[in-house]
Amino acid sequence: GFDLIHSKLLSTLEQKGLKSMDSTLGKDFDTDFHEAITQIPSPSDDMKGKVIDQTEKGYFLNDKVIRYAKVVVGQ
Protein backbone atom coordinates (compact mmCIF):
# COMPACT_ATOMS: atom_id res chain seq x y z
CA GLY A 1 0.00 0.00 0.00
CA PHE A 2 2.69 2.50 1.02
CA ASP A 3 4.81 1.78 -2.07
CA LEU A 4 1.81 2.40 -4.32
CA ILE A 5 1.09 5.77 -2.69
CA HIS A 6 4.77 6.73 -2.90
CA SER A 7 5.05 5.85 -6.59
CA LYS A 8 1.82 7.72 -7.42
CA LEU A 9 3.06 10.81 -5.58
CA LEU A 10 6.38 10.72 -7.46
CA SER A 11 4.67 10.28 -10.83
CA THR A 12 2.28 13.16 -10.10
CA LEU A 13 5.15 15.44 -9.13
CA GLU A 14 7.05 14.49 -12.30
CA GLN A 15 3.96 15.29 -14.39
CA LYS A 16 3.86 18.75 -12.80
CA GLY A 17 7.50 19.35 -13.83
CA LEU A 18 9.55 18.32 -10.79
CA LYS A 19 12.90 16.68 -11.63
CA SER A 20 15.82 15.76 -9.43
CA MET A 21 19.34 16.84 -10.41
CA ASP A 22 21.69 14.23 -11.76
CA SER A 23 24.57 13.10 -9.59
CA THR A 24 27.11 15.90 -9.33
CA LEU A 25 30.08 13.91 -8.02
CA GLY A 26 33.29 14.77 -9.83
CA LYS A 27 31.79 17.74 -11.70
CA ASP A 28 32.98 21.33 -11.43
CA PHE A 29 31.42 23.36 -8.62
CA ASP A 30 28.77 25.64 -10.12
CA THR A 31 26.97 28.19 -7.94
CA ASP A 32 23.97 28.08 -10.28
CA PHE A 33 23.22 24.51 -9.15
CA HIS A 34 25.26 23.85 -5.99
CA GLU A 35 25.49 25.14 -2.45
CA ALA A 36 28.85 24.47 -0.82
CA ILE A 37 28.44 23.42 2.79
CA THR A 38 32.16 22.88 3.38
CA GLN A 39 35.52 22.56 1.68
CA ILE A 40 38.00 19.78 2.34
CA PRO A 41 41.50 19.11 1.03
CA SER A 42 41.14 17.37 -2.31
CA PRO A 43 42.50 13.83 -2.60
CA SER A 44 44.27 14.74 -5.85
CA ASP A 45 45.15 17.89 -7.78
CA ASP A 46 42.59 17.20 -10.52
CA MET A 47 39.74 17.26 -7.93
CA LYS A 48 40.41 20.86 -6.82
CA GLY A 49 37.29 22.96 -7.32
CA LYS A 50 35.16 19.90 -8.01
CA VAL A 51 32.36 18.25 -6.07
CA ILE A 52 33.70 15.52 -3.77
CA ASP A 53 30.50 14.56 -1.93
CA GLN A 54 26.79 15.37 -2.14
CA THR A 55 24.77 15.52 1.08
CA GLU A 56 21.39 16.57 -0.37
CA LYS A 57 19.98 16.28 -3.87
CA GLY A 58 18.88 19.33 -5.76
CA TYR A 59 15.58 19.71 -7.61
CA PHE A 60 14.24 21.54 -10.65
CA LEU A 61 10.67 22.67 -11.23
CA ASN A 62 10.15 23.38 -14.93
CA ASP A 63 13.91 23.96 -15.44
CA LYS A 64 14.15 26.40 -12.51
CA VAL A 65 16.18 25.38 -9.46
CA ILE A 66 13.93 25.10 -6.40
CA ARG A 67 16.52 23.46 -4.15
CA TYR A 68 20.27 23.63 -4.68
CA ALA A 69 22.32 20.48 -4.23
CA LYS A 70 24.32 20.68 -1.00
CA VAL A 71 27.85 19.55 -1.74
CA VAL A 72 31.38 19.27 -0.36
CA VAL A 73 34.02 20.90 -2.55
CA GLY A 74 37.70 19.97 -2.89
CA GLN A 75 40.14 22.70 -2.01
PDB file of N, CA and C in Angstrom:
ATOM      1  N   GLY A   1       0.799  -1.182   0.000  1.00  0.00           N
ATOM      2  CA  GLY A   1       0.000   0.000   0.000  1.00  0.00           C
ATOM      3  C   GLY A   1       0.861   1.274   0.000  1.00  0.00           C
ATOM      4  N   PHE A   2       1.858   1.305   0.906  1.00  0.00           N
ATOM      5  CA  PHE A   2       2.694   2.504   1.016  1.00  0.00           C
ATOM      6  C   PHE A   2       3.505   2.725  -0.252  1.00  0.00           C
ATOM      7  N   ASP A   3       4.024   1.656  -0.832  1.00  0.00           N
ATOM      8  CA  ASP A   3       4.814   1.783  -2.067  1.00  0.00           C
ATOM      9  C   ASP A   3       3.966   2.321  -3.212  1.00  0.00           C
ATOM     10  N   LEU A   4       2.717   1.914  -3.274  1.00  0.00           N
ATOM     11  CA  LEU A   4       1.814   2.396  -4.325  1.00  0.00           C
ATOM     12  C   LEU A   4       1.563   3.893  -4.163  1.00  0.00           C
ATOM     13  N   ILE A   5       1.313   4.344  -2.942  1.00  0.00           N
ATOM     14  CA  ILE A   5       1.087   5.766  -2.687  1.00  0.00           C
ATOM     15  C   ILE A   5       2.341   6.567  -3.017  1.00  0.00           C
ATOM     16  N   HIS A   6       3.497   6.045  -2.633  1.00  0.00           N
ATOM     17  CA  HIS A   6       4.766   6.734  -2.902  1.00  0.00           C
ATOM     18  C   HIS A   6       5.016   6.863  -4.397  1.00  0.00           C
ATOM     19  N   SER A   7       4.806   5.796  -5.144  1.00  0.00           N
ATOM     20  CA  SER A   7       5.046   5.848  -6.589  1.00  0.00           C
ATOM     21  C   SER A   7       4.049   6.773  -7.284  1.00  0.00           C
ATOM     22  N   LYS A   8       2.805   6.816  -6.820  1.00  0.00           N
ATOM     23  CA  LYS A   8       1.820   7.723  -7.415  1.00  0.00           C
ATOM     24  C   LYS A   8       2.170   9.182  -7.122  1.00  0.00           C
ATOM     25  N   LEU A   9       2.648   9.450  -5.920  1.00  0.00           N
ATOM     26  CA  LEU A   9       3.061  10.808  -5.576  1.00  0.00           C
ATOM     27  C   LEU A   9       4.227  11.246  -6.456  1.00  0.00           C
ATOM     28  N   LEU A  10       5.229  10.378  -6.619  1.00  0.00           N
ATOM     29  CA  LEU A  10       6.375  10.717  -7.460  1.00  0.00           C
ATOM     30  C   LEU A  10       5.967  10.940  -8.912  1.00  0.00           C
ATOM     31  N   SER A  11       5.093  10.110  -9.434  1.00  0.00           N
ATOM     32  CA  SER A  11       4.674  10.282 -10.830  1.00  0.00           C
ATOM     33  C   SER A  11       3.851  11.557 -11.006  1.00  0.00           C
ATOM     34  N   THR A  12       3.047  11.909 -10.019  1.00  0.00           N
ATOM     35  CA  THR A  12       2.279  13.158 -10.096  1.00  0.00           C
ATOM     36  C   THR A  12       3.195  14.366 -10.066  1.00  0.00           C
ATOM     37  N   LEU A  13       4.204  14.336  -9.202  1.00  0.00           N
ATOM     38  CA  LEU A  13       5.153  15.443  -9.133  1.00  0.00           C
ATOM     39  C   LEU A  13       5.948  15.577 -10.427  1.00  0.00           C
ATOM     40  N   GLU A  14       6.326  14.449 -11.029  1.00  0.00           N
ATOM     41  CA  GLU A  14       7.050  14.490 -12.300  1.00  0.00           C
ATOM     42  C   GLU A  14       6.176  15.057 -13.413  1.00  0.00           C
ATOM     43  N   GLN A  15       4.880  14.742 -13.390  1.00  0.00           N
ATOM     44  CA  GLN A  15       3.964  15.287 -14.394  1.00  0.00           C
ATOM     45  C   GLN A  15       3.833  16.799 -14.259  1.00  0.00           C
ATOM     46  N   LYS A  16       3.960  17.311 -13.049  1.00  0.00           N
ATOM     47  CA  LYS A  16       3.865  18.747 -12.803  1.00  0.00           C
ATOM     48  C   LYS A  16       5.175  19.469 -13.102  1.00  0.00           C
ATOM     49  N   GLY A  17       6.247  18.734 -13.421  1.00  0.00           N
ATOM     50  CA  GLY A  17       7.502  19.350 -13.834  1.00  0.00           C
ATOM     51  C   GLY A  17       8.638  19.241 -12.844  1.00  0.00           C
ATOM     52  N   LEU A  18       8.482  18.477 -11.776  1.00  0.00           N
ATOM     53  CA  LEU A  18       9.547  18.321 -10.790  1.00  0.00           C
ATOM     54  C   LEU A  18      10.543  17.271 -11.263  1.00  0.00           C
ATOM     55  N   LYS A  19      11.838  17.625 -11.249  1.00  0.00           N
ATOM     56  CA  LYS A  19      12.900  16.683 -11.627  1.00  0.00           C
ATOM     57  C   LYS A  19      14.028  16.813 -10.621  1.00  0.00           C
ATOM     58  N   SER A  20      14.653  15.700 -10.306  1.00  0.00           N
ATOM     59  CA  SER A  20      15.819  15.763  -9.430  1.00  0.00           C
ATOM     60  C   SER A  20      17.061  15.973 -10.289  1.00  0.00           C
ATOM     61  N   MET A  21      18.077  16.620  -9.694  1.00  0.00           N
ATOM     62  CA  MET A  21      19.336  16.843 -10.405  1.00  0.00           C
ATOM     63  C   MET A  21      20.088  15.530 -10.523  1.00  0.00           C
ATOM     64  N   ASP A  22      20.831  15.395 -11.597  1.00  0.00           N
ATOM     65  CA  ASP A  22      21.689  14.230 -11.764  1.00  0.00           C
ATOM     66  C   ASP A  22      22.796  14.270 -10.717  1.00  0.00           C
ATOM     67  N   SER A  23      23.459  13.157 -10.533  1.00  0.00           N
ATOM     68  CA  SER A  23      24.571  13.102  -9.594  1.00  0.00           C
ATOM     69  C   SER A  23      25.639  14.107 -10.004  1.00  0.00           C
ATOM     70  N   THR A  24      26.152  14.845  -9.032  1.00  0.00           N
ATOM     71  CA  THR A  24      27.110  15.901  -9.326  1.00  0.00           C
ATOM     72  C   THR A  24      28.528  15.534  -8.913  1.00  0.00           C
ATOM     73  N   LEU A  25      28.756  14.314  -8.483  1.00  0.00           N
ATOM     74  CA  LEU A  25      30.080  13.908  -8.015  1.00  0.00           C
ATOM     75  C   LEU A  25      31.102  13.985  -9.142  1.00  0.00           C
ATOM     76  N   GLY A  26      32.212  14.658  -8.866  1.00  0.00           N
ATOM     77  CA  GLY A  26      33.290  14.772  -9.833  1.00  0.00           C
ATOM     78  C   GLY A  26      33.132  15.918 -10.819  1.00  0.00           C
ATOM     79  N   LYS A  27      32.005  16.617 -10.787  1.00  0.00           N
ATOM     80  CA  LYS A  27      31.788  17.738 -11.697  1.00  0.00           C
ATOM     81  C   LYS A  27      32.314  19.022 -11.076  1.00  0.00           C
ATOM     82  N   ASP A  28      32.523  20.025 -11.911  1.00  0.00           N
ATOM     83  CA  ASP A  28      32.978  21.330 -11.425  1.00  0.00           C
ATOM     84  C   ASP A  28      31.910  21.953 -10.540  1.00  0.00           C
ATOM     85  N   PHE A  29      32.349  22.654  -9.499  1.00  0.00           N
ATOM     86  CA  PHE A  29      31.423  23.357  -8.617  1.00  0.00           C
ATOM     87  C   PHE A  29      30.809  24.527  -9.367  1.00  0.00           C
ATOM     88  N   ASP A  30      29.494  24.604  -9.400  1.00  0.00           N
ATOM     89  CA  ASP A  30      28.767  25.643 -10.121  1.00  0.00           C
ATOM     90  C   ASP A  30      27.737  26.255  -9.167  1.00  0.00           C
ATOM     91  N   THR A  31      27.870  27.538  -8.894  1.00  0.00           N
ATOM     92  CA  THR A  31      26.975  28.188  -7.941  1.00  0.00           C
ATOM     93  C   THR A  31      25.544  28.302  -8.454  1.00  0.00           C
ATOM     94  N   ASP A  32      25.330  28.061  -9.736  1.00  0.00           N
ATOM     95  CA  ASP A  32      23.972  28.078 -10.279  1.00  0.00           C
ATOM     96  C   ASP A  32      23.180  26.840  -9.863  1.00  0.00           C
ATOM     97  N   PHE A  33      23.891  25.758  -9.495  1.00  0.00           N
ATOM     98  CA  PHE A  33      23.224  24.508  -9.151  1.00  0.00           C
ATOM     99  C   PHE A  33      23.614  23.951  -7.788  1.00  0.00           C
ATOM    100  N   HIS A  34      24.734  24.418  -7.227  1.00  0.00           N
ATOM    101  CA  HIS A  34      25.264  23.846  -5.992  1.00  0.00           C
ATOM    102  C   HIS A  34      25.340  24.870  -4.870  1.00  0.00           C
ATOM    103  N   GLU A  35      25.233  24.351  -3.655  1.00  0.00           N
ATOM    104  CA  GLU A  35      25.487  25.143  -2.451  1.00  0.00           C
ATOM    105  C   GLU A  35      26.586  24.422  -1.689  1.00  0.00           C
ATOM    106  N   ALA A  36      27.718  25.089  -1.514  1.00  0.00           N
ATOM    107  CA  ALA A  36      28.851  24.467  -0.819  1.00  0.00           C
ATOM    108  C   ALA A  36      28.619  24.553   0.685  1.00  0.00           C
ATOM    109  N   ILE A  37      28.604  23.400   1.342  1.00  0.00           N
ATOM    110  CA  ILE A  37      28.437  23.420   2.791  1.00  0.00           C
ATOM    111  C   ILE A  37      29.783  23.386   3.493  1.00  0.00           C
ATOM    112  N   THR A  38      30.805  22.873   2.821  1.00  0.00           N
ATOM    113  CA  THR A  38      32.158  22.877   3.379  1.00  0.00           C
ATOM    114  C   THR A  38      33.167  22.614   2.266  1.00  0.00           C
ATOM    115  N   GLN A  39      34.418  22.883   2.580  1.00  0.00           N
ATOM    116  CA  GLN A  39      35.522  22.562   1.680  1.00  0.00           C
ATOM    117  C   GLN A  39      36.491  21.666   2.428  1.00  0.00           C
ATOM    118  N   ILE A  40      37.009  20.668   1.744  1.00  0.00           N
ATOM    119  CA  ILE A  40      37.996  19.776   2.340  1.00  0.00           C
ATOM    120  C   ILE A  40      39.194  19.696   1.405  1.00  0.00           C
ATOM    121  N   PRO A  41      40.350  19.305   1.929  1.00  0.00           N
ATOM    122  CA  PRO A  41      41.498  19.115   1.033  1.00  0.00           C
ATOM    123  C   PRO A  41      41.182  18.031   0.004  1.00  0.00           C
ATOM    124  N   SER A  42      41.466  18.334  -1.256  1.00  0.00           N
ATOM    125  CA  SER A  42      41.140  17.374  -2.308  1.00  0.00           C
ATOM    126  C   SER A  42      42.115  16.205  -2.281  1.00  0.00           C
ATOM    127  N   PRO A  43      41.634  14.997  -2.600  1.00  0.00           N
ATOM    128  CA  PRO A  43      42.502  13.825  -2.601  1.00  0.00           C
ATOM    129  C   PRO A  43      43.563  13.858  -3.702  1.00  0.00           C
ATOM    130  N   SER A  44      43.290  14.599  -4.772  1.00  0.00           N
ATOM    131  CA  SER A  44      44.270  14.739  -5.849  1.00  0.00           C
ATOM    132  C   SER A  44      44.134  16.141  -6.450  1.00  0.00           C
ATOM    133  N   ASP A  45      45.149  16.539  -7.213  1.00  0.00           N
ATOM    134  CA  ASP A  45      45.146  17.885  -7.785  1.00  0.00           C
ATOM    135  C   ASP A  45      44.031  18.085  -8.808  1.00  0.00           C
ATOM    136  N   ASP A  46      43.634  17.033  -9.510  1.00  0.00           N
ATOM    137  CA  ASP A  46      42.591  17.199 -10.516  1.00  0.00           C
ATOM    138  C   ASP A  46      41.202  17.353  -9.908  1.00  0.00           C
ATOM    139  N   MET A  47      41.037  17.112  -8.599  1.00  0.00           N
ATOM    140  CA  MET A  47      39.739  17.261  -7.932  1.00  0.00           C
ATOM    141  C   MET A  47      39.564  18.627  -7.273  1.00  0.00           C
ATOM    142  N   LYS A  48      40.537  19.522  -7.406  1.00  0.00           N
ATOM    143  CA  LYS A  48      40.413  20.862  -6.820  1.00  0.00           C
ATOM    144  C   LYS A  48      39.306  21.632  -7.537  1.00  0.00           C
ATOM    145  N   GLY A  49      38.398  22.205  -6.757  1.00  0.00           N
ATOM    146  CA  GLY A  49      37.288  22.964  -7.321  1.00  0.00           C
ATOM    147  C   GLY A  49      36.155  22.105  -7.838  1.00  0.00           C
ATOM    148  N   LYS A  50      36.210  20.818  -7.547  1.00  0.00           N
ATOM    149  CA  LYS A  50      35.164  19.899  -8.006  1.00  0.00           C
ATOM    150  C   LYS A  50      34.391  19.349  -6.818  1.00  0.00           C
ATOM    151  N   VAL A  51      33.227  18.815  -7.107  1.00  0.00           N
ATOM    152  CA  VAL A  51      32.362  18.252  -6.072  1.00  0.00           C
ATOM    153  C   VAL A  51      32.920  16.908  -5.632  1.00  0.00           C
ATOM    154  N   ILE A  52      33.158  16.765  -4.320  1.00  0.00           N
ATOM    155  CA  ILE A  52      33.697  15.520  -3.773  1.00  0.00           C
ATOM    156  C   ILE A  52      32.582  14.654  -3.189  1.00  0.00           C
ATOM    157  N   ASP A  53      31.600  15.295  -2.548  1.00  0.00           N
ATOM    158  CA  ASP A  53      30.500  14.559  -1.931  1.00  0.00           C
ATOM    159  C   ASP A  53      29.230  15.386  -2.037  1.00  0.00           C
ATOM    160  N   GLN A  54      28.096  14.707  -2.085  1.00  0.00           N
ATOM    161  CA  GLN A  54      26.793  15.373  -2.144  1.00  0.00           C
ATOM    162  C   GLN A  54      25.986  14.926  -0.939  1.00  0.00           C
ATOM    163  N   THR A  55      25.531  15.887  -0.115  1.00  0.00           N
ATOM    164  CA  THR A  55      24.768  15.519   1.078  1.00  0.00           C
ATOM    165  C   THR A  55      23.268  15.579   0.855  1.00  0.00           C
ATOM    166  N   GLU A  56      22.802  16.480  -0.018  1.00  0.00           N
ATOM    167  CA  GLU A  56      21.387  16.571  -0.367  1.00  0.00           C
ATOM    168  C   GLU A  56      21.248  16.774  -1.869  1.00  0.00           C
ATOM    169  N   LYS A  57      20.247  16.113  -2.446  1.00  0.00           N
ATOM    170  CA  LYS A  57      19.977  16.281  -3.867  1.00  0.00           C
ATOM    171  C   LYS A  57      19.341  17.625  -4.125  1.00  0.00           C
ATOM    172  N   GLY A  58      19.540  18.109  -5.324  1.00  0.00           N
ATOM    173  CA  GLY A  58      18.882  19.331  -5.760  1.00  0.00           C
ATOM    174  C   GLY A  58      17.702  18.991  -6.658  1.00  0.00           C
ATOM    175  N   TYR A  59      16.790  19.945  -6.812  1.00  0.00           N
ATOM    176  CA  TYR A  59      15.584  19.708  -7.605  1.00  0.00           C
ATOM    177  C   TYR A  59      15.284  20.882  -8.510  1.00  0.00           C
ATOM    178  N   PHE A  60      14.714  20.561  -9.689  1.00  0.00           N
ATOM    179  CA  PHE A  60      14.240  21.536 -10.652  1.00  0.00           C
ATOM    180  C   PHE A  60      12.718  21.475 -10.698  1.00  0.00           C
ATOM    181  N   LEU A  61      12.094  22.614 -10.920  1.00  0.00           N
ATOM    182  CA  LEU A  61      10.671  22.672 -11.235  1.00  0.00           C
ATOM    183  C   LEU A  61      10.551  23.471 -12.522  1.00  0.00           C
ATOM    184  N   ASN A  62      10.230  22.768 -13.594  1.00  0.00           N
ATOM    185  CA  ASN A  62      10.150  23.375 -14.932  1.00  0.00           C
ATOM    186  C   ASN A  62      11.435  24.117 -15.281  1.00  0.00           C
ATOM    187  N   ASP A  63      12.570  23.456 -15.113  1.00  0.00           N
ATOM    188  CA  ASP A  63      13.907  23.958 -15.443  1.00  0.00           C
ATOM    189  C   ASP A  63      14.350  25.142 -14.590  1.00  0.00           C
ATOM    190  N   LYS A  64      13.710  25.379 -13.471  1.00  0.00           N
ATOM    191  CA  LYS A  64      14.149  26.395 -12.511  1.00  0.00           C
ATOM    192  C   LYS A  64      14.549  25.664 -11.228  1.00  0.00           C
ATOM    193  N   VAL A  65      15.687  26.045 -10.673  1.00  0.00           N
ATOM    194  CA  VAL A  65      16.178  25.383  -9.462  1.00  0.00           C
ATOM    195  C   VAL A  65      15.301  25.796  -8.280  1.00  0.00           C
ATOM    196  N   ILE A  66      14.714  24.796  -7.601  1.00  0.00           N
ATOM    197  CA  ILE A  66      13.929  25.105  -6.402  1.00  0.00           C
ATOM    198  C   ILE A  66      14.664  24.687  -5.140  1.00  0.00           C
ATOM    199  N   ARG A  67      15.637  23.777  -5.271  1.00  0.00           N
ATOM    200  CA  ARG A  67      16.522  23.459  -4.151  1.00  0.00           C
ATOM    201  C   ARG A  67      17.899  23.125  -4.719  1.00  0.00           C
ATOM    202  N   TYR A  68      18.894  23.850  -4.234  1.00  0.00           N
ATOM    203  CA  TYR A  68      20.268  23.633  -4.683  1.00  0.00           C
ATOM    204  C   TYR A  68      20.814  22.361  -4.035  1.00  0.00           C
ATOM    205  N   ALA A  69      21.654  21.663  -4.766  1.00  0.00           N
ATOM    206  CA  ALA A  69      22.317  20.477  -4.228  1.00  0.00           C
ATOM    207  C   ALA A  69      23.359  20.927  -3.218  1.00  0.00           C
ATOM    208  N   LYS A  70      23.344  20.335  -2.033  1.00  0.00           N
ATOM    209  CA  LYS A  70      24.320  20.679  -1.002  1.00  0.00           C
ATOM    210  C   LYS A  70      25.510  19.737  -1.159  1.00  0.00           C
ATOM    211  N   VAL A  71      26.682  20.339  -1.369  1.00  0.00           N
ATOM    212  CA  VAL A  71      27.854  19.552  -1.744  1.00  0.00           C
ATOM    213  C   VAL A  71      29.074  19.937  -0.918  1.00  0.00           C
ATOM    214  N   VAL A  72      30.062  19.046  -0.943  1.00  0.00           N
ATOM    215  CA  VAL A  72      31.375  19.271  -0.362  1.00  0.00           C
ATOM    216  C   VAL A  72      32.342  19.475  -1.519  1.00  0.00           C
ATOM    217  N   VAL A  73      33.141  20.531  -1.443  1.00  0.00           N
ATOM    218  CA  VAL A  73      34.020  20.902  -2.550  1.00  0.00           C
ATOM    219  C   VAL A  73      35.471  20.660  -2.161  1.00  0.00           C
ATOM    220  N   GLY A  74      36.268  20.158  -3.105  1.00  0.00           N
ATOM    221  CA  GLY A  74      37.700  19.965  -2.894  1.00  0.00           C
ATOM    222  C   GLY A  74      38.442  21.275  -2.968  1.00  0.00           C
ATOM    223  N   GLN A  75      39.404  21.446  -2.094  1.00  0.00           N
ATOM    224  CA  GLN A  75      40.143  22.703  -2.010  1.00  0.00           C
ATOM    225  C   GLN A  75      41.564  22.531  -2.486  1.00  0.00           C
TER     226      GLN A  75
END
